N, C-alpha and C. Protein backbone atom coordinates (compact mmCIF):
# COMPACT_ATOMS: atom_id res chain seq x y z
N MET A 1 37.81 -63.97 -65.95
CA MET A 1 37.78 -62.67 -65.34
C MET A 1 36.61 -62.64 -64.37
N ALA A 2 36.87 -62.25 -63.12
CA ALA A 2 35.83 -62.19 -62.10
C ALA A 2 35.01 -60.92 -62.27
N ALA A 3 33.75 -61.03 -61.93
CA ALA A 3 32.86 -59.86 -62.02
C ALA A 3 33.18 -58.89 -60.88
N GLN A 4 33.03 -57.61 -61.16
CA GLN A 4 33.23 -56.59 -60.14
C GLN A 4 31.94 -56.47 -59.32
N VAL A 5 32.08 -56.51 -58.00
CA VAL A 5 30.94 -56.42 -57.11
C VAL A 5 31.14 -55.21 -56.21
N ARG A 6 30.05 -54.46 -55.96
CA ARG A 6 30.14 -53.31 -55.07
C ARG A 6 28.83 -53.16 -54.31
N ALA A 7 28.89 -52.45 -53.21
CA ALA A 7 27.69 -52.15 -52.44
C ALA A 7 26.93 -51.04 -53.15
N VAL A 8 25.62 -51.09 -53.07
CA VAL A 8 24.80 -50.06 -53.70
C VAL A 8 23.97 -49.35 -52.65
N ALA A 9 23.65 -48.11 -52.92
CA ALA A 9 22.80 -47.33 -52.02
C ALA A 9 21.35 -47.78 -52.18
N PRO A 10 20.55 -47.65 -51.12
CA PRO A 10 19.15 -48.10 -51.20
C PRO A 10 18.36 -47.43 -52.31
N GLU A 11 18.69 -46.17 -52.65
CA GLU A 11 17.93 -45.47 -53.68
C GLU A 11 18.40 -45.77 -55.10
N GLU A 12 19.49 -46.53 -55.23
CA GLU A 12 19.99 -46.86 -56.58
C GLU A 12 19.06 -47.86 -57.26
N ARG A 13 18.84 -47.64 -58.53
CA ARG A 13 17.99 -48.52 -59.34
C ARG A 13 18.78 -48.97 -60.56
N LEU A 14 18.38 -50.10 -61.07
CA LEU A 14 18.98 -50.57 -62.31
C LEU A 14 18.59 -49.62 -63.44
N PRO A 15 19.48 -49.39 -64.39
CA PRO A 15 19.09 -48.55 -65.52
C PRO A 15 17.98 -49.24 -66.32
N ALA A 16 17.11 -48.44 -66.86
CA ALA A 16 16.00 -48.98 -67.65
C ALA A 16 16.55 -49.74 -68.85
N ARG A 17 16.03 -50.93 -69.07
CA ARG A 17 16.48 -51.74 -70.20
C ARG A 17 15.86 -51.20 -71.48
N LYS A 18 16.68 -51.17 -72.51
CA LYS A 18 16.19 -50.74 -73.80
C LYS A 18 15.28 -51.83 -74.35
N ARG A 19 14.07 -51.45 -74.66
CA ARG A 19 13.09 -52.42 -75.15
C ARG A 19 13.34 -52.69 -76.63
N ALA A 20 13.38 -53.96 -76.98
CA ALA A 20 13.62 -54.34 -78.37
C ALA A 20 12.44 -53.91 -79.24
N LYS A 21 12.75 -53.54 -80.46
CA LYS A 21 11.71 -53.14 -81.40
C LYS A 21 11.06 -54.38 -82.00
N THR A 22 9.80 -54.23 -82.41
CA THR A 22 9.14 -55.29 -83.14
C THR A 22 9.71 -55.31 -84.56
N ILE A 23 9.40 -56.34 -85.30
CA ILE A 23 9.86 -56.43 -86.68
C ILE A 23 9.33 -55.24 -87.48
N THR A 24 8.05 -54.92 -87.28
CA THR A 24 7.44 -53.80 -88.01
C THR A 24 8.11 -52.48 -87.66
N GLN A 25 8.34 -52.23 -86.37
CA GLN A 25 9.00 -50.99 -85.94
C GLN A 25 10.41 -50.91 -86.50
N ALA A 26 11.14 -52.02 -86.42
CA ALA A 26 12.53 -52.03 -86.91
C ALA A 26 12.58 -51.83 -88.42
N ALA A 27 11.64 -52.42 -89.14
CA ALA A 27 11.62 -52.26 -90.59
C ALA A 27 11.28 -50.82 -90.98
N LYS A 28 10.42 -50.20 -90.19
CA LYS A 28 9.98 -48.85 -90.49
C LYS A 28 11.01 -47.79 -90.11
N SER A 29 11.59 -47.92 -88.92
CA SER A 29 12.44 -46.83 -88.45
C SER A 29 13.70 -47.29 -87.71
N GLY A 30 14.04 -48.53 -87.86
CA GLY A 30 15.20 -49.04 -87.14
C GLY A 30 16.43 -49.18 -88.02
N THR A 31 17.49 -49.61 -87.38
CA THR A 31 18.73 -49.87 -88.10
C THR A 31 18.72 -51.30 -88.62
N GLU A 32 19.71 -51.62 -89.42
CA GLU A 32 19.83 -52.99 -89.93
C GLU A 32 19.99 -53.97 -88.77
N VAL A 33 20.78 -53.59 -87.78
CA VAL A 33 21.00 -54.46 -86.62
C VAL A 33 19.70 -54.68 -85.86
N GLU A 34 18.92 -53.62 -85.65
CA GLU A 34 17.65 -53.76 -84.94
C GLU A 34 16.68 -54.66 -85.70
N LEU A 35 16.65 -54.54 -87.01
CA LEU A 35 15.78 -55.39 -87.82
C LEU A 35 16.22 -56.85 -87.71
N LEU A 36 17.51 -57.09 -87.83
CA LEU A 36 18.00 -58.47 -87.72
C LEU A 36 17.77 -59.04 -86.33
N GLU A 37 17.90 -58.23 -85.29
CA GLU A 37 17.62 -58.70 -83.93
C GLU A 37 16.16 -59.09 -83.78
N ALA A 38 15.26 -58.28 -84.33
CA ALA A 38 13.83 -58.58 -84.26
C ALA A 38 13.51 -59.85 -85.03
N LEU A 39 14.08 -59.99 -86.22
CA LEU A 39 13.86 -61.21 -87.01
C LEU A 39 14.41 -62.44 -86.30
N GLN A 40 15.59 -62.29 -85.72
CA GLN A 40 16.21 -63.41 -85.00
C GLN A 40 15.31 -63.87 -83.85
N ALA A 41 14.80 -62.91 -83.08
CA ALA A 41 13.94 -63.25 -81.95
C ALA A 41 12.66 -63.94 -82.42
N ARG A 42 12.08 -63.46 -83.51
CA ARG A 42 10.83 -64.04 -84.01
C ARG A 42 11.04 -65.46 -84.52
N VAL A 43 12.10 -65.67 -85.28
CA VAL A 43 12.37 -67.01 -85.82
C VAL A 43 12.74 -67.97 -84.67
N ALA A 44 13.49 -67.47 -83.69
CA ALA A 44 13.86 -68.31 -82.55
C ALA A 44 12.61 -68.76 -81.78
N ARG A 45 11.64 -67.84 -81.62
CA ARG A 45 10.38 -68.23 -80.96
C ARG A 45 9.66 -69.31 -81.75
N ALA A 46 9.67 -69.19 -83.07
CA ALA A 46 9.00 -70.20 -83.91
C ALA A 46 9.70 -71.56 -83.80
N VAL A 47 11.02 -71.53 -83.75
CA VAL A 47 11.78 -72.79 -83.62
C VAL A 47 11.46 -73.44 -82.27
N GLN A 48 11.37 -72.64 -81.23
CA GLN A 48 11.14 -73.14 -79.87
C GLN A 48 9.70 -73.59 -79.64
N ASP A 49 8.76 -73.05 -80.41
CA ASP A 49 7.34 -73.33 -80.21
C ASP A 49 7.04 -74.80 -80.50
N ARG A 50 6.39 -75.44 -79.54
CA ARG A 50 6.04 -76.86 -79.70
C ARG A 50 5.00 -77.08 -80.81
N ASP A 51 4.26 -76.03 -81.15
CA ASP A 51 3.23 -76.16 -82.18
C ASP A 51 3.76 -75.94 -83.59
N THR A 52 5.04 -75.63 -83.73
CA THR A 52 5.62 -75.46 -85.06
C THR A 52 5.68 -76.83 -85.73
N PRO A 53 5.13 -76.94 -86.93
CA PRO A 53 5.15 -78.25 -87.61
C PRO A 53 6.59 -78.74 -87.84
N PRO A 54 6.83 -80.00 -87.60
CA PRO A 54 8.17 -80.55 -87.79
C PRO A 54 8.73 -80.31 -89.20
N ARG A 55 7.88 -80.26 -90.19
CA ARG A 55 8.35 -80.05 -91.56
C ARG A 55 8.96 -78.66 -91.74
N ASP A 56 8.59 -77.72 -90.86
CA ASP A 56 9.10 -76.35 -90.96
C ASP A 56 10.39 -76.12 -90.17
N LEU A 57 10.70 -77.03 -89.25
CA LEU A 57 11.85 -76.81 -88.37
C LEU A 57 13.18 -76.69 -89.09
N ALA A 58 13.41 -77.50 -90.09
CA ALA A 58 14.69 -77.45 -90.81
C ALA A 58 14.89 -76.09 -91.48
N ALA A 59 13.86 -75.60 -92.17
CA ALA A 59 13.96 -74.30 -92.85
C ALA A 59 14.10 -73.17 -91.83
N LEU A 60 13.34 -73.23 -90.73
CA LEU A 60 13.43 -72.19 -89.71
C LEU A 60 14.80 -72.17 -89.03
N THR A 61 15.32 -73.35 -88.75
CA THR A 61 16.63 -73.45 -88.11
C THR A 61 17.71 -72.90 -89.02
N LYS A 62 17.64 -73.24 -90.30
CA LYS A 62 18.62 -72.73 -91.26
C LYS A 62 18.52 -71.21 -91.34
N ARG A 63 17.31 -70.70 -91.39
CA ARG A 63 17.12 -69.25 -91.47
C ARG A 63 17.63 -68.56 -90.20
N LEU A 64 17.41 -69.18 -89.05
CA LEU A 64 17.90 -68.63 -87.79
C LEU A 64 19.43 -68.52 -87.80
N MET A 65 20.09 -69.54 -88.31
CA MET A 65 21.55 -69.51 -88.40
C MET A 65 22.01 -68.44 -89.39
N ASP A 66 21.30 -68.31 -90.51
CA ASP A 66 21.65 -67.27 -91.49
C ASP A 66 21.50 -65.87 -90.90
N ILE A 67 20.39 -65.64 -90.18
CA ILE A 67 20.16 -64.34 -89.56
C ILE A 67 21.24 -64.06 -88.53
N THR A 68 21.63 -65.06 -87.76
CA THR A 68 22.66 -64.89 -86.75
C THR A 68 23.97 -64.46 -87.38
N ARG A 69 24.33 -65.09 -88.50
CA ARG A 69 25.57 -64.70 -89.21
C ARG A 69 25.46 -63.28 -89.76
N GLU A 70 24.31 -62.95 -90.35
CA GLU A 70 24.11 -61.60 -90.89
C GLU A 70 24.16 -60.55 -89.77
N LEU A 71 23.59 -60.89 -88.63
CA LEU A 71 23.58 -59.98 -87.49
C LEU A 71 24.99 -59.72 -86.99
N GLU A 72 25.78 -60.77 -86.87
CA GLU A 72 27.17 -60.60 -86.42
C GLU A 72 27.95 -59.75 -87.41
N ALA A 73 27.75 -59.98 -88.70
CA ALA A 73 28.44 -59.18 -89.72
C ALA A 73 28.01 -57.72 -89.65
N ALA A 74 26.72 -57.47 -89.43
CA ALA A 74 26.23 -56.09 -89.33
C ALA A 74 26.80 -55.40 -88.10
N ARG A 75 26.91 -56.12 -86.99
CA ARG A 75 27.49 -55.53 -85.78
C ARG A 75 28.96 -55.19 -85.99
N VAL A 76 29.70 -56.08 -86.64
CA VAL A 76 31.10 -55.81 -86.92
C VAL A 76 31.23 -54.61 -87.84
N LYS A 77 30.39 -54.55 -88.86
CA LYS A 77 30.40 -53.42 -89.80
C LYS A 77 30.13 -52.12 -89.05
N ASP A 78 29.16 -52.13 -88.14
CA ASP A 78 28.85 -50.94 -87.36
C ASP A 78 30.02 -50.52 -86.48
N GLN A 79 30.66 -51.50 -85.86
CA GLN A 79 31.81 -51.19 -85.01
C GLN A 79 32.94 -50.58 -85.83
N GLU A 80 33.22 -51.17 -86.97
CA GLU A 80 34.30 -50.68 -87.82
C GLU A 80 34.00 -49.30 -88.37
N ALA A 81 32.74 -49.03 -88.60
CA ALA A 81 32.35 -47.73 -89.14
C ALA A 81 32.23 -46.67 -88.05
N GLY A 82 32.37 -47.09 -86.80
CA GLY A 82 32.23 -46.13 -85.71
C GLY A 82 30.81 -45.65 -85.59
N SER A 83 29.87 -46.55 -85.63
CA SER A 83 28.46 -46.20 -85.65
C SER A 83 27.98 -45.54 -84.37
N ASP A 84 28.83 -45.49 -83.35
CA ASP A 84 28.38 -44.86 -82.11
C ASP A 84 28.42 -43.34 -82.21
N GLY A 85 28.88 -42.82 -83.35
CA GLY A 85 28.89 -41.39 -83.57
C GLY A 85 30.08 -40.68 -82.97
N ALA A 86 31.01 -41.43 -82.42
CA ALA A 86 32.17 -40.80 -81.80
C ALA A 86 33.09 -40.22 -82.87
N VAL A 87 33.56 -39.03 -82.61
CA VAL A 87 34.52 -38.39 -83.51
C VAL A 87 35.89 -38.56 -82.88
N THR A 88 36.78 -39.16 -83.62
CA THR A 88 38.12 -39.40 -83.09
C THR A 88 39.12 -38.52 -83.84
N ALA A 89 40.12 -38.11 -83.13
CA ALA A 89 41.15 -37.28 -83.74
C ALA A 89 42.10 -38.14 -84.55
N ASP A 90 42.68 -37.53 -85.57
CA ASP A 90 43.68 -38.24 -86.35
C ASP A 90 44.93 -38.45 -85.51
N GLU A 91 45.57 -39.59 -85.72
CA GLU A 91 46.81 -39.85 -85.00
C GLU A 91 47.96 -39.10 -85.65
N THR A 92 48.96 -38.83 -84.86
CA THR A 92 50.15 -38.18 -85.37
C THR A 92 50.92 -39.15 -86.24
N TRP A 93 51.38 -38.67 -87.39
CA TRP A 93 52.15 -39.51 -88.32
C TRP A 93 53.52 -39.81 -87.71
N ARG A 94 53.85 -41.11 -87.69
CA ARG A 94 55.15 -41.53 -87.18
C ARG A 94 55.81 -42.42 -88.22
N PRO A 95 56.80 -41.92 -88.95
CA PRO A 95 57.45 -42.72 -89.99
C PRO A 95 58.08 -43.98 -89.44
N GLN A 96 58.54 -43.98 -88.20
CA GLN A 96 59.18 -45.16 -87.64
C GLN A 96 58.18 -46.31 -87.43
N ALA A 97 56.91 -46.03 -87.52
CA ALA A 97 55.89 -47.07 -87.36
C ALA A 97 55.89 -48.01 -88.57
N LEU A 98 56.47 -47.57 -89.66
CA LEU A 98 56.53 -48.42 -90.85
C LEU A 98 57.54 -49.44 -90.65
């Protein structure tokens, strides 16, 4: 799928990016997804850091993969639960749909 491209007016600005919470902020007042995102970013930085001892890399990498799976599951759970707060109307019952 090709990206949509359009001309922009000179006064148009990019929307402000939502700043990620720190682990402490997410633990204190964030959602499960925000906490997992903060943990994922922190562990990923540790894995990438050249000063991380080689003996720690296996455990950190495994934990990073675990957090990634937990994060995906939490996002799916939020989507299924309608976490965006949208209220949807009930559908009309149609017996022929059975």
